[in-house]
């Protein structure tokens, strides 16, 4: 499954109410470490049909970034049944993320 870009108004439906585990990637287009993580996030999305991967641009969705205390990017959150089960900040190894999914 390909990752999807969402905005604040989609968050409840796509993340909180999802029946799948959701990996949320908070990023910005100008962020070099985010660009480095992008192919890893894409690979996780394409290789794991049982999860959903969503991307949130912090510049366009500052309310969500504030709500989830995103102080630096990239920040990746794993939600299971609407609850955060793991947080990753900065460049993170693919295997480490997949282990938590």
N, C-alpha and C. Protein backbone atom coordinates (compact mmCIF):
# COMPACT_ATOMS: atom_id res chain seq x y z
N UNK A 1 0.85 -1.17 0.00
CA UNK A 1 0.00 0.00 0.00
C UNK A 1 0.90 1.24 0.00
N UNK A 2 0.52 2.23 -0.75
CA UNK A 2 1.29 3.47 -0.82
C UNK A 2 0.94 4.38 0.35
N UNK A 3 1.90 5.16 0.80
CA UNK A 3 1.59 6.11 1.87
C UNK A 3 0.67 7.20 1.33
N UNK A 4 -0.12 7.77 2.23
CA UNK A 4 -1.05 8.82 1.81
C UNK A 4 -0.75 10.10 2.59
N UNK A 5 -0.91 11.21 1.94
CA UNK A 5 -0.75 12.52 2.58
C UNK A 5 -2.11 12.93 3.11
N UNK A 6 -2.16 13.33 4.37
CA UNK A 6 -3.43 13.77 4.94
C UNK A 6 -3.28 15.16 5.54
N UNK A 7 -4.42 15.77 5.80
CA UNK A 7 -4.47 17.06 6.48
C UNK A 7 -5.22 16.88 7.79
N UNK A 8 -5.22 17.92 8.59
CA UNK A 8 -5.82 17.83 9.93
C UNK A 8 -7.23 17.27 9.94
N UNK A 9 -8.04 17.71 8.99
CA UNK A 9 -9.44 17.27 8.98
C UNK A 9 -9.59 15.77 8.68
N UNK A 10 -8.57 15.13 8.13
CA UNK A 10 -8.61 13.69 7.83
C UNK A 10 -8.09 12.83 8.98
N UNK A 11 -7.45 13.46 9.96
CA UNK A 11 -6.70 12.72 10.97
C UNK A 11 -7.57 11.74 11.75
N UNK A 12 -8.72 12.19 12.22
CA UNK A 12 -9.60 11.32 13.02
C UNK A 12 -9.96 10.07 12.23
N UNK A 13 -10.39 10.25 11.00
CA UNK A 13 -10.83 9.12 10.17
C UNK A 13 -9.66 8.21 9.79
N UNK A 14 -8.57 8.80 9.31
CA UNK A 14 -7.47 8.02 8.75
C UNK A 14 -6.54 7.40 9.80
N UNK A 15 -6.44 8.03 10.96
CA UNK A 15 -5.50 7.55 11.98
C UNK A 15 -6.23 7.02 13.22
N UNK A 16 -6.95 7.87 13.89
CA UNK A 16 -7.57 7.49 15.16
C UNK A 16 -8.58 6.36 14.98
N UNK A 17 -9.41 6.44 13.95
CA UNK A 17 -10.45 5.44 13.74
C UNK A 17 -10.03 4.28 12.84
N UNK A 18 -8.78 4.22 12.46
CA UNK A 18 -8.31 3.16 11.56
C UNK A 18 -8.32 1.80 12.25
N UNK A 19 -8.73 0.78 11.50
CA UNK A 19 -8.68 -0.58 12.05
C UNK A 19 -7.30 -1.20 11.87
N UNK A 20 -6.41 -0.50 11.17
CA UNK A 20 -5.04 -0.97 10.98
C UNK A 20 -4.09 -0.18 11.88
N UNK A 21 -2.92 -0.73 12.12
CA UNK A 21 -1.84 0.02 12.74
C UNK A 21 -1.43 1.11 11.77
N UNK A 22 -1.18 2.33 12.30
CA UNK A 22 -0.86 3.46 11.44
C UNK A 22 0.50 4.04 11.82
N UNK A 23 1.36 4.19 10.81
CA UNK A 23 2.62 4.89 10.97
C UNK A 23 2.41 6.30 10.44
N UNK A 24 2.57 7.30 11.32
CA UNK A 24 2.37 8.69 10.94
C UNK A 24 3.74 9.36 10.85
N UNK A 25 4.03 9.93 9.68
CA UNK A 25 5.30 10.61 9.43
C UNK A 25 5.06 12.11 9.38
N UNK A 26 5.52 12.82 10.42
CA UNK A 26 5.48 14.28 10.43
C UNK A 26 6.76 14.77 9.76
N UNK A 27 6.61 15.58 8.70
CA UNK A 27 7.75 16.00 7.91
C UNK A 27 7.54 17.43 7.39
N UNK A 28 8.59 17.95 6.72
CA UNK A 28 8.48 19.21 5.97
C UNK A 28 9.32 19.06 4.70
N UNK A 29 8.90 19.72 3.65
CA UNK A 29 9.60 19.62 2.37
C UNK A 29 11.03 20.15 2.44
N UNK A 30 11.30 21.11 3.29
CA UNK A 30 12.61 21.74 3.39
C UNK A 30 13.57 20.97 4.30
N UNK A 31 13.11 19.92 4.93
CA UNK A 31 13.87 19.19 5.95
C UNK A 31 14.72 18.10 5.32
N UNK A 32 16.06 18.23 5.40
CA UNK A 32 16.97 17.24 4.82
C UNK A 32 16.82 15.85 5.45
N UNK A 33 16.79 15.73 6.78
CA UNK A 33 16.59 14.40 7.36
C UNK A 33 15.26 13.78 6.95
N UNK A 34 14.22 14.61 6.75
CA UNK A 34 12.93 14.10 6.28
C UNK A 34 13.08 13.50 4.88
N UNK A 35 13.84 14.18 4.04
CA UNK A 35 14.08 13.68 2.69
C UNK A 35 14.84 12.36 2.72
N UNK A 36 15.74 12.22 3.68
CA UNK A 36 16.48 10.96 3.83
C UNK A 36 15.57 9.83 4.30
N UNK A 37 14.57 10.16 5.12
CA UNK A 37 13.65 9.14 5.63
C UNK A 37 12.57 8.77 4.62
N UNK A 38 12.30 9.64 3.67
CA UNK A 38 11.19 9.43 2.74
C UNK A 38 11.22 8.09 2.01
N UNK A 39 12.37 7.66 1.44
CA UNK A 39 12.37 6.34 0.78
C UNK A 39 12.16 5.19 1.75
N UNK A 40 12.59 5.36 2.98
CA UNK A 40 12.39 4.32 4.00
C UNK A 40 10.91 4.21 4.34
N UNK A 41 10.26 5.36 4.53
CA UNK A 41 8.83 5.38 4.83
C UNK A 41 8.04 4.77 3.67
N UNK A 42 8.42 5.13 2.44
CA UNK A 42 7.75 4.58 1.26
C UNK A 42 7.91 3.07 1.18
N UNK A 43 9.10 2.58 1.45
CA UNK A 43 9.36 1.14 1.41
C UNK A 43 8.53 0.41 2.47
N UNK A 44 8.46 0.97 3.67
CA UNK A 44 7.64 0.35 4.73
C UNK A 44 6.18 0.27 4.28
N UNK A 45 5.69 1.35 3.67
CA UNK A 45 4.30 1.38 3.21
C UNK A 45 4.05 0.31 2.16
N UNK A 46 4.95 0.19 1.20
CA UNK A 46 4.75 -0.74 0.09
C UNK A 46 4.95 -2.20 0.48
N UNK A 47 5.77 -2.44 1.50
CA UNK A 47 6.10 -3.82 1.88
C UNK A 47 5.19 -4.38 2.97
N UNK A 48 4.35 -3.56 3.56
CA UNK A 48 3.53 -4.00 4.69
C UNK A 48 2.06 -3.68 4.44
N UNK A 49 1.35 -4.62 3.85
CA UNK A 49 -0.07 -4.42 3.52
C UNK A 49 -0.96 -4.30 4.75
N UNK A 50 -0.50 -4.81 5.88
CA UNK A 50 -1.33 -4.83 7.08
C UNK A 50 -1.26 -3.53 7.88
N UNK A 51 -0.51 -2.54 7.40
CA UNK A 51 -0.44 -1.26 8.09
C UNK A 51 -0.82 -0.13 7.13
N UNK A 52 -1.11 1.03 7.71
CA UNK A 52 -1.38 2.23 6.93
C UNK A 52 -0.26 3.22 7.25
N UNK A 53 0.24 3.90 6.23
CA UNK A 53 1.28 4.91 6.42
C UNK A 53 0.74 6.25 5.93
N UNK A 54 0.74 7.24 6.83
CA UNK A 54 0.28 8.57 6.45
C UNK A 54 1.39 9.58 6.69
N UNK A 55 1.42 10.59 5.81
CA UNK A 55 2.40 11.66 5.91
C UNK A 55 1.66 12.96 6.22
N UNK A 56 2.25 13.75 7.13
CA UNK A 56 1.65 15.02 7.52
C UNK A 56 2.70 16.10 7.42
N UNK A 57 2.45 17.08 6.57
CA UNK A 57 3.33 18.23 6.39
C UNK A 57 3.11 19.18 7.57
N UNK A 58 4.14 19.35 8.42
CA UNK A 58 3.98 20.16 9.62
C UNK A 58 3.73 21.64 9.30
N UNK A 59 4.21 22.12 8.17
CA UNK A 59 3.98 23.51 7.80
C UNK A 59 2.52 23.77 7.47
N UNK A 60 1.84 22.78 6.93
CA UNK A 60 0.44 22.93 6.54
C UNK A 60 -0.52 22.47 7.64
N UNK A 61 0.00 21.76 8.62
CA UNK A 61 -0.83 21.17 9.69
C UNK A 61 -0.22 21.43 11.06
N UNK A 62 0.04 22.69 11.35
CA UNK A 62 0.70 23.04 12.60
C UNK A 62 -0.12 22.64 13.83
N UNK A 63 -1.43 22.62 13.69
CA UNK A 63 -2.28 22.22 14.81
C UNK A 63 -2.00 20.78 15.24
N UNK A 64 -1.83 19.88 14.27
CA UNK A 64 -1.52 18.49 14.61
C UNK A 64 -0.12 18.36 15.19
N UNK A 65 0.83 19.09 14.63
CA UNK A 65 2.20 19.06 15.16
C UNK A 65 2.21 19.51 16.62
N UNK A 66 1.47 20.54 16.92
CA UNK A 66 1.39 21.02 18.30
C UNK A 66 0.68 20.01 19.20
N UNK A 67 -0.42 19.48 18.72
CA UNK A 67 -1.21 18.52 19.52
C UNK A 67 -0.38 17.31 19.92
N UNK A 68 0.48 16.84 19.01
CA UNK A 68 1.28 15.65 19.28
C UNK A 68 2.72 15.97 19.67
N UNK A 69 2.96 17.22 20.11
CA UNK A 69 4.26 17.65 20.63
C UNK A 69 5.41 17.37 19.68
N UNK A 70 5.21 17.60 18.40
CA UNK A 70 6.27 17.41 17.42
C UNK A 70 7.18 18.63 17.48
N UNK A 71 8.34 18.46 18.11
CA UNK A 71 9.28 19.57 18.30
C UNK A 71 10.41 19.55 17.28
N UNK A 72 10.67 18.39 16.72
CA UNK A 72 11.69 18.28 15.67
C UNK A 72 11.20 17.26 14.65
N UNK A 73 11.70 17.42 13.44
CA UNK A 73 11.28 16.53 12.37
C UNK A 73 12.49 15.90 11.71
N UNK A 74 12.36 14.71 11.17
CA UNK A 74 11.13 13.94 11.12
C UNK A 74 10.77 13.33 12.48
N UNK A 75 9.48 13.25 12.73
CA UNK A 75 8.94 12.52 13.87
C UNK A 75 7.95 11.51 13.32
N UNK A 76 8.10 10.27 13.73
CA UNK A 76 7.18 9.21 13.31
C UNK A 76 6.48 8.66 14.55
N UNK A 77 5.17 8.56 14.47
CA UNK A 77 4.38 8.00 15.56
C UNK A 77 3.68 6.74 15.06
N UNK A 78 3.62 5.73 15.90
CA UNK A 78 2.86 4.53 15.59
C UNK A 78 1.60 4.55 16.45
N UNK A 79 0.45 4.45 15.76
CA UNK A 79 -0.84 4.40 16.44
C UNK A 79 -1.43 3.01 16.27
N UNK A 80 -1.89 2.45 17.38
CA UNK A 80 -2.63 1.19 17.34
C UNK A 80 -3.95 1.43 18.06
N UNK A 81 -5.04 1.22 17.33
CA UNK A 81 -6.39 1.46 17.87
C UNK A 81 -6.51 2.88 18.42
N UNK A 82 -5.92 3.84 17.71
CA UNK A 82 -6.05 5.25 18.08
C UNK A 82 -5.13 5.73 19.17
N UNK A 83 -4.24 4.87 19.64
CA UNK A 83 -3.33 5.22 20.75
C UNK A 83 -1.89 5.14 20.27
N UNK A 84 -1.09 6.14 20.66
CA UNK A 84 0.33 6.14 20.30
C UNK A 84 1.04 5.04 21.09
N UNK A 85 1.71 4.15 20.36
CA UNK A 85 2.45 3.08 21.02
C UNK A 85 3.96 3.26 20.93
N UNK A 86 4.41 4.11 19.99
CA UNK A 86 5.85 4.33 19.83
C UNK A 86 6.09 5.64 19.10
N UNK A 87 7.16 6.33 19.49
CA UNK A 87 7.58 7.57 18.85
C UNK A 87 9.03 7.43 18.41
N UNK A 88 9.32 7.85 17.19
CA UNK A 88 10.68 7.91 16.68
C UNK A 88 10.96 9.35 16.27
N UNK A 89 12.11 9.86 16.65
CA UNK A 89 12.50 11.23 16.29
C UNK A 89 13.83 11.17 15.55
N UNK A 90 13.88 11.83 14.39
CA UNK A 90 15.11 11.87 13.61
C UNK A 90 15.22 10.66 12.69
N UNK A 91 16.37 10.56 12.07
CA UNK A 91 16.62 9.46 11.13
C UNK A 91 16.62 8.15 11.92
N UNK A 92 15.81 7.21 11.45
CA UNK A 92 15.62 5.95 12.17
C UNK A 92 15.77 4.79 11.20
N UNK A 93 16.38 3.73 11.66
CA UNK A 93 16.60 2.54 10.86
C UNK A 93 15.27 1.87 10.52
N UNK A 94 15.12 1.42 9.29
CA UNK A 94 13.90 0.77 8.82
C UNK A 94 13.53 -0.42 9.70
N UNK A 95 14.51 -1.25 10.02
CA UNK A 95 14.25 -2.45 10.82
C UNK A 95 13.71 -2.09 12.21
N UNK A 96 14.21 -1.00 12.77
CA UNK A 96 13.76 -0.56 14.09
C UNK A 96 12.28 -0.16 14.05
N UNK A 97 11.90 0.54 12.99
CA UNK A 97 10.49 0.94 12.84
C UNK A 97 9.62 -0.29 12.63
N UNK A 98 10.03 -1.17 11.73
CA UNK A 98 9.24 -2.38 11.43
C UNK A 98 9.08 -3.28 12.64
N UNK A 99 10.09 -3.31 13.50
CA UNK A 99 10.03 -4.13 14.72
C UNK A 99 8.86 -3.67 15.61
N UNK A 100 8.62 -2.36 15.64
CA UNK A 100 7.56 -1.81 16.49
C UNK A 100 6.18 -1.89 15.85
N UNK A 101 6.14 -2.09 14.54
CA UNK A 101 4.85 -2.17 13.86
C UNK A 101 4.21 -3.52 14.10
